[in-house]
């Protein structure tokens, strides 16, 4: 789902597997694993998606950069 952010273009979440997909405005895409649903909901509700991402997701969960 597209979001209103100066850094993040879209957020998608696979609740069954606790996988969070983040696409940045730069076009880079990342997959974060083991992200609880409540963290994703808070991310979507955050006033600043970029600040929430920096504080609560980046460097907190294992991730992979996705190609293409």
PDB file of N, CA and C in Angstrom:
ATOM      1  N   UNK A   1       0.840  -1.166   0.000  1.00  0.00           N
ATOM      2  CA  UNK A   1       0.000   0.000   0.000  1.00  0.00           C
ATOM      3  C   UNK A   1       0.891   1.237   0.000  1.00  0.00           C
ATOM      4  N   UNK A   2       0.571   2.183  -0.839  1.00  0.00           N
ATOM      5  CA  UNK A   2       1.322   3.435  -0.882  1.00  0.00           C
ATOM      6  C   UNK A   2       1.069   4.216   0.392  1.00  0.00           C
ATOM      7  N   UNK A   3       2.099   4.928   0.869  1.00  0.00           N
ATOM      8  CA  UNK A   3       1.982   5.712   2.097  1.00  0.00           C
ATOM      9  C   UNK A   3       2.447   7.141   1.855  1.00  0.00           C
ATOM     10  N   UNK A   4       2.022   8.023   2.730  1.00  0.00           N
ATOM     11  CA  UNK A   4       2.409   9.430   2.667  1.00  0.00           C
ATOM     12  C   UNK A   4       3.683   9.610   3.479  1.00  0.00           C
ATOM     13  N   UNK A   5       4.805   9.719   2.790  1.00  0.00           N
ATOM     14  CA  UNK A   5       6.096   9.814   3.464  1.00  0.00           C
ATOM     15  C   UNK A   5       7.095  10.471   2.527  1.00  0.00           C
ATOM     16  N   UNK A   6       8.075  11.145   3.112  1.00  0.00           N
ATOM     17  CA  UNK A   6       9.124  11.761   2.301  1.00  0.00           C
ATOM     18  C   UNK A   6      10.241  10.773   1.986  1.00  0.00           C
ATOM     19  N   UNK A   7      10.223   9.576   2.604  1.00  0.00           N
ATOM     20  CA  UNK A   7      11.277   8.597   2.383  1.00  0.00           C
ATOM     21  C   UNK A   7      10.759   7.264   1.885  1.00  0.00           C
ATOM     22  N   UNK A   8       9.552   6.896   2.285  1.00  0.00           N
ATOM     23  CA  UNK A   8       9.018   5.568   2.006  1.00  0.00           C
ATOM     24  C   UNK A   8       7.842   5.672   1.049  1.00  0.00           C
ATOM     25  N   UNK A   9       7.890   4.873  -0.009  1.00  0.00           N
ATOM     26  CA  UNK A   9       6.830   4.910  -1.016  1.00  0.00           C
ATOM     27  C   UNK A   9       5.693   3.948  -0.682  1.00  0.00           C
ATOM     28  N   UNK A  10       6.050   2.734  -0.239  1.00  0.00           N
ATOM     29  CA  UNK A  10       5.009   1.735  -0.010  1.00  0.00           C
ATOM     30  C   UNK A  10       5.421   0.749   1.072  1.00  0.00           C
ATOM     31  N   UNK A  11       4.410   0.223   1.748  1.00  0.00           N
ATOM     32  CA  UNK A  11       4.582  -0.784   2.785  1.00  0.00           C
ATOM     33  C   UNK A  11       3.600  -1.911   2.494  1.00  0.00           C
ATOM     34  N   UNK A  12       4.094  -3.136   2.508  1.00  0.00           N
ATOM     35  CA  UNK A  12       3.235  -4.310   2.380  1.00  0.00           C
ATOM     36  C   UNK A  12       3.601  -5.274   3.497  1.00  0.00           C
ATOM     37  N   UNK A  13       2.615  -6.032   3.961  1.00  0.00           N
ATOM     38  CA  UNK A  13       2.857  -6.928   5.088  1.00  0.00           C
ATOM     39  C   UNK A  13       2.191  -8.268   4.857  1.00  0.00           C
ATOM     40  N   UNK A  14       2.945  -9.332   5.093  1.00  0.00           N
ATOM     41  CA  UNK A  14       2.445 -10.699   5.031  1.00  0.00           C
ATOM     42  C   UNK A  14       2.289 -11.171   6.474  1.00  0.00           C
ATOM     43  N   UNK A  15       1.064 -11.099   6.997  1.00  0.00           N
ATOM     44  CA  UNK A  15       0.811 -11.421   8.400  1.00  0.00           C
ATOM     45  C   UNK A  15       1.084 -12.885   8.713  1.00  0.00           C
ATOM     46  N   UNK A  16       0.797 -13.778   7.779  1.00  0.00           N
ATOM     47  CA  UNK A  16       0.996 -15.210   8.025  1.00  0.00           C
ATOM     48  C   UNK A  16       2.457 -15.555   8.283  1.00  0.00           C
ATOM     49  N   UNK A  17       3.360 -14.816   7.648  1.00  0.00           N
ATOM     50  CA  UNK A  17       4.790 -15.104   7.775  1.00  0.00           C
ATOM     51  C   UNK A  17       5.568 -13.986   8.462  1.00  0.00           C
ATOM     52  N   UNK A  18       4.859 -12.976   8.958  1.00  0.00           N
ATOM     53  CA  UNK A  18       5.478 -11.815   9.631  1.00  0.00           C
ATOM     54  C   UNK A  18       6.592 -11.210   8.780  1.00  0.00           C
ATOM     55  N   UNK A  19       6.275 -10.967   7.514  1.00  0.00           N
ATOM     56  CA  UNK A  19       7.234 -10.358   6.595  1.00  0.00           C
ATOM     57  C   UNK A  19       6.748  -8.973   6.204  1.00  0.00           C
ATOM     58  N   UNK A  20       7.632  -8.012   6.343  1.00  0.00           N
ATOM     59  CA  UNK A  20       7.321  -6.625   6.015  1.00  0.00           C
ATOM     60  C   UNK A  20       8.142  -6.218   4.794  1.00  0.00           C
ATOM     61  N   UNK A  21       7.446  -5.745   3.765  1.00  0.00           N
ATOM     62  CA  UNK A  21       8.105  -5.266   2.545  1.00  0.00           C
ATOM     63  C   UNK A  21       8.057  -3.745   2.554  1.00  0.00           C
ATOM     64  N   UNK A  22       9.214  -3.122   2.372  1.00  0.00           N
ATOM     65  CA  UNK A  22       9.297  -1.663   2.368  1.00  0.00           C
ATOM     66  C   UNK A  22       9.938  -1.222   1.062  1.00  0.00           C
ATOM     67  N   UNK A  23       9.261  -0.321   0.341  1.00  0.00           N
ATOM     68  CA  UNK A  23       9.813   0.260  -0.881  1.00  0.00           C
ATOM     69  C   UNK A  23      10.054   1.742  -0.618  1.00  0.00           C
ATOM     70  N   UNK A  24      11.280   2.164  -0.841  1.00  0.00           N
ATOM     71  CA  UNK A  24      11.658   3.555  -0.608  1.00  0.00           C
ATOM     72  C   UNK A  24      11.442   4.373  -1.877  1.00  0.00           C
ATOM     73  N   UNK A  25      11.376   5.677  -1.725  1.00  0.00           N
ATOM     74  CA  UNK A  25      11.200   6.556  -2.879  1.00  0.00           C
ATOM     75  C   UNK A  25      12.347   6.412  -3.874  1.00  0.00           C
ATOM     76  N   UNK A  26      13.506   5.989  -3.382  1.00  0.00           N
ATOM     77  CA  UNK A  26      14.667   5.772  -4.257  1.00  0.00           C
ATOM     78  C   UNK A  26      14.456   4.573  -5.173  1.00  0.00           C
ATOM     79  N   UNK A  27      13.437   3.742  -4.865  1.00  0.00           N
ATOM     80  CA  UNK A  27      13.186   2.538  -5.646  1.00  0.00           C
ATOM     81  C   UNK A  27      13.720   1.278  -4.999  1.00  0.00           C
ATOM     82  N   UNK A  28      14.572   1.431  -3.993  1.00  0.00           N
ATOM     83  CA  UNK A  28      15.095   0.258  -3.296  1.00  0.00           C
ATOM     84  C   UNK A  28      13.974  -0.437  -2.537  1.00  0.00           C
ATOM     85  N   UNK A  29      14.023  -1.786  -2.531  1.00  0.00           N
ATOM     86  CA  UNK A  29      13.013  -2.571  -1.822  1.00  0.00           C
ATOM     87  C   UNK A  29      13.702  -3.507  -0.845  1.00  0.00           C
ATOM     88  N   UNK A  30      13.130  -3.613   0.347  1.00  0.00           N
ATOM     89  CA  UNK A  30      13.684  -4.469   1.383  1.00  0.00           C
ATOM     90  C   UNK A  30      12.592  -5.340   1.987  1.00  0.00           C
ATOM     91  N   UNK A  31      13.001  -6.533   2.421  1.00  0.00           N
ATOM     92  CA  UNK A  31      12.126  -7.461   3.113  1.00  0.00           C
ATOM     93  C   UNK A  31      12.667  -7.635   4.529  1.00  0.00           C
ATOM     94  N   UNK A  32      11.832  -7.362   5.515  1.00  0.00           N
ATOM     95  CA  UNK A  32      12.177  -7.541   6.927  1.00  0.00           C
ATOM     96  C   UNK A  32      11.384  -8.718   7.456  1.00  0.00           C
ATOM     97  N   UNK A  33      12.047  -9.634   8.159  1.00  0.00           N
ATOM     98  CA  UNK A  33      11.379 -10.849   8.632  1.00  0.00           C
ATOM     99  C   UNK A  33      11.246 -10.841  10.155  1.00  0.00           C
ATOM    100  N   UNK A  34      10.169 -11.493  10.620  1.00  0.00           N
ATOM    101  CA  UNK A  34       9.922 -11.583  12.050  1.00  0.00           C
ATOM    102  C   UNK A  34       9.303 -10.336  12.642  1.00  0.00           C
ATOM    103  N   UNK A  35       8.693  -9.509  11.802  1.00  0.00           N
ATOM    104  CA  UNK A  35       8.096  -8.256  12.267  1.00  0.00           C
ATOM    105  C   UNK A  35       6.664  -8.543  12.749  1.00  0.00           C
ATOM    106  N   UNK A  36       6.388  -8.339  14.039  1.00  0.00           N
ATOM    107  CA  UNK A  36       5.040  -8.609  14.553  1.00  0.00           C
ATOM    108  C   UNK A  36       3.991  -7.684  13.934  1.00  0.00           C
ATOM    109  N   UNK A  37       2.769  -8.182  13.863  1.00  0.00           N
ATOM    110  CA  UNK A  37       1.675  -7.411  13.292  1.00  0.00           C
ATOM    111  C   UNK A  37       1.471  -6.076  13.967  1.00  0.00           C
ATOM    112  N   UNK A  38       1.642  -6.022  15.295  1.00  0.00           N
ATOM    113  CA  UNK A  38       1.428  -4.752  15.996  1.00  0.00           C
ATOM    114  C   UNK A  38       2.473  -3.709  15.618  1.00  0.00           C
ATOM    115  N   UNK A  39       3.682  -4.161  15.291  1.00  0.00           N
ATOM    116  CA  UNK A  39       4.720  -3.225  14.840  1.00  0.00           C
ATOM    117  C   UNK A  39       4.339  -2.673  13.464  1.00  0.00           C
ATOM    118  N   UNK A  40       3.849  -3.540  12.593  1.00  0.00           N
ATOM    119  CA  UNK A  40       3.422  -3.086  11.267  1.00  0.00           C
ATOM    120  C   UNK A  40       2.266  -2.097  11.386  1.00  0.00           C
ATOM    121  N   UNK A  41       1.292  -2.392  12.235  1.00  0.00           N
ATOM    122  CA  UNK A  41       0.160  -1.476  12.417  1.00  0.00           C
ATOM    123  C   UNK A  41       0.631  -0.119  12.944  1.00  0.00           C
ATOM    124  N   UNK A  42       1.560  -0.147  13.890  1.00  0.00           N
ATOM    125  CA  UNK A  42       2.097   1.108  14.418  1.00  0.00           C
ATOM    126  C   UNK A  42       2.855   1.871  13.339  1.00  0.00           C
ATOM    127  N   UNK A  43       3.563   1.146  12.487  1.00  0.00           N
ATOM    128  CA  UNK A  43       4.292   1.745  11.368  1.00  0.00           C
ATOM    129  C   UNK A  43       3.308   2.468  10.444  1.00  0.00           C
ATOM    130  N   UNK A  44       2.235   1.782  10.085  1.00  0.00           N
ATOM    131  CA  UNK A  44       1.241   2.379   9.198  1.00  0.00           C
ATOM    132  C   UNK A  44       0.558   3.587   9.835  1.00  0.00           C
ATOM    133  N   UNK A  45       0.386   3.556  11.153  1.00  0.00           N
ATOM    134  CA  UNK A  45      -0.291   4.646  11.865  1.00  0.00           C
ATOM    135  C   UNK A  45       0.636   5.801  12.232  1.00  0.00           C
ATOM    136  N   UNK A  46       1.941   5.589  12.116  1.00  0.00           N
ATOM    137  CA  UNK A  46       2.906   6.599  12.559  1.00  0.00           C
ATOM    138  C   UNK A  46       2.775   7.892  11.759  1.00  0.00           C
ATOM    139  N   UNK A  47       2.884   9.005  12.470  1.00  0.00           N
ATOM    140  CA  UNK A  47       2.836  10.309  11.806  1.00  0.00           C
ATOM    141  C   UNK A  47       4.010  10.462  10.848  1.00  0.00           C
ATOM    142  N   UNK A  48       5.199  10.020  11.301  1.00  0.00           N
ATOM    143  CA  UNK A  48       6.381  10.041  10.438  1.00  0.00           C
ATOM    144  C   UNK A  48       6.823   8.606  10.201  1.00  0.00           C
ATOM    145  N   UNK A  49       6.562   8.111   9.004  1.00  0.00           N
ATOM    146  CA  UNK A  49       6.942   6.745   8.662  1.00  0.00           C
ATOM    147  C   UNK A  49       8.465   6.575   8.705  1.00  0.00           C
ATOM    148  N   UNK A  50       9.185   7.580   8.217  1.00  0.00           N
ATOM    149  CA  UNK A  50      10.648   7.505   8.202  1.00  0.00           C
ATOM    150  C   UNK A  50      11.234   7.424   9.593  1.00  0.00           C
ATOM    151  N   UNK A  51      10.748   8.251  10.508  1.00  0.00           N
ATOM    152  CA  UNK A  51      11.256   8.220  11.885  1.00  0.00           C
ATOM    153  C   UNK A  51      10.914   6.898  12.565  1.00  0.00           C
ATOM    154  N   UNK A  52       9.690   6.417  12.359  1.00  0.00           N
ATOM    155  CA  UNK A  52       9.300   5.141  12.955  1.00  0.00           C
ATOM    156  C   UNK A  52      10.189   4.023  12.414  1.00  0.00           C
ATOM    157  N   UNK A  53      10.409   4.026  11.099  1.00  0.00           N
ATOM    158  CA  UNK A  53      11.252   3.003  10.477  1.00  0.00           C
ATOM    159  C   UNK A  53      12.645   3.009  11.089  1.00  0.00           C
ATOM    160  N   UNK A  54      13.231   4.189  11.212  1.00  0.00           N
ATOM    161  CA  UNK A  54      14.592   4.307  11.763  1.00  0.00           C
ATOM    162  C   UNK A  54      14.661   3.796  13.200  1.00  0.00           C
ATOM    163  N   UNK A  55      13.657   4.121  14.005  1.00  0.00           N
ATOM    164  CA  UNK A  55      13.692   3.801  15.430  1.00  0.00           C
ATOM    165  C   UNK A  55      13.242   2.374  15.754  1.00  0.00           C
ATOM    166  N   UNK A  56      12.280   1.856  14.996  1.00  0.00           N
ATOM    167  CA  UNK A  56      11.634   0.609  15.405  1.00  0.00           C
ATOM    168  C   UNK A  56      11.848  -0.584  14.480  1.00  0.00           C
ATOM    169  N   UNK A  57      12.321  -0.346  13.259  1.00  0.00           N
ATOM    170  CA  UNK A  57      12.437  -1.457  12.308  1.00  0.00           C
ATOM    171  C   UNK A  57      13.868  -1.646  11.825  1.00  0.00           C
ATOM    172  N   UNK A  58      14.456  -0.588  11.296  1.00  0.00           N
ATOM    173  CA  UNK A  58      15.832  -0.702  10.782  1.00  0.00           C
ATOM    174  C   UNK A  58      16.768  -1.143  11.902  1.00  0.00           C
ATOM    175  N   UNK A  59      17.598  -2.097  11.629  1.00  0.00           N
ATOM    176  CA  UNK A  59      18.562  -2.658  12.584  1.00  0.00           C
ATOM    177  C   UNK A  59      17.901  -3.417  13.734  1.00  0.00           C
ATOM    178  N   UNK A  60      16.586  -3.629  13.678  1.00  0.00           N
ATOM    179  CA  UNK A  60      15.888  -4.386  14.719  1.00  0.00           C
ATOM    180  C   UNK A  60      15.497  -5.785  14.235  1.00  0.00           C
ATOM    181  N   UNK A  61      15.351  -5.950  12.920  1.00  0.00           N
ATOM    182  CA  UNK A  61      14.906  -7.214  12.340  1.00  0.00           C
ATOM    183  C   UNK A  61      15.822  -7.606  11.201  1.00  0.00           C
ATOM    184  N   UNK A  62      16.003  -8.928  10.991  1.00  0.00           N
ATOM    185  CA  UNK A  62      16.790  -9.369   9.837  1.00  0.00           C
ATOM    186  C   UNK A  62      16.133  -8.910   8.537  1.00  0.00           C
ATOM    187  N   UNK A  63      16.951  -8.599   7.542  1.00  0.00           N
ATOM    188  CA  UNK A  63      16.389  -8.085   6.287  1.00  0.00           C
ATOM    189  C   UNK A  63      17.205  -8.565   5.095  1.00  0.00           C
ATOM    190  N   UNK A  64      16.591  -8.444   3.946  1.00  0.00           N
ATOM    191  CA  UNK A  64      17.249  -8.700   2.663  1.00  0.00           C
ATOM    192  C   UNK A  64      16.855  -7.588   1.716  1.00  0.00           C
ATOM    193  N   UNK A  65      17.818  -7.137   0.941  1.00  0.00           N
ATOM    194  CA  UNK A  65      17.493  -6.181  -0.131  1.00  0.00           C
ATOM    195  C   UNK A  65      17.005  -6.993  -1.315  1.00  0.00           C
ATOM    196  N   UNK A  66      15.911  -6.540  -1.911  1.00  0.00           N
ATOM    197  CA  UNK A  66      15.319  -7.251  -3.039  1.00  0.00           C
ATOM    198  C   UNK A  66      15.774  -6.622  -4.353  1.00  0.00           C
ATOM    199  N   UNK A  67      16.035  -7.446  -5.335  1.00  0.00           N
ATOM    200  CA  UNK A  67      16.451  -6.959  -6.657  1.00  0.00           C
ATOM    201  C   UNK A  67      15.233  -6.544  -7.467  1.00  0.00           C
ATOM    202  N   UNK A  68      15.481  -5.627  -8.421  1.00  0.00           N
ATOM    203  CA  UNK A  68      14.459  -5.246  -9.369  1.00  0.00           C
ATOM    204  C   UNK A  68      13.421  -4.424  -8.746  1.00  0.00           C
TER     205      UNK A  68
END
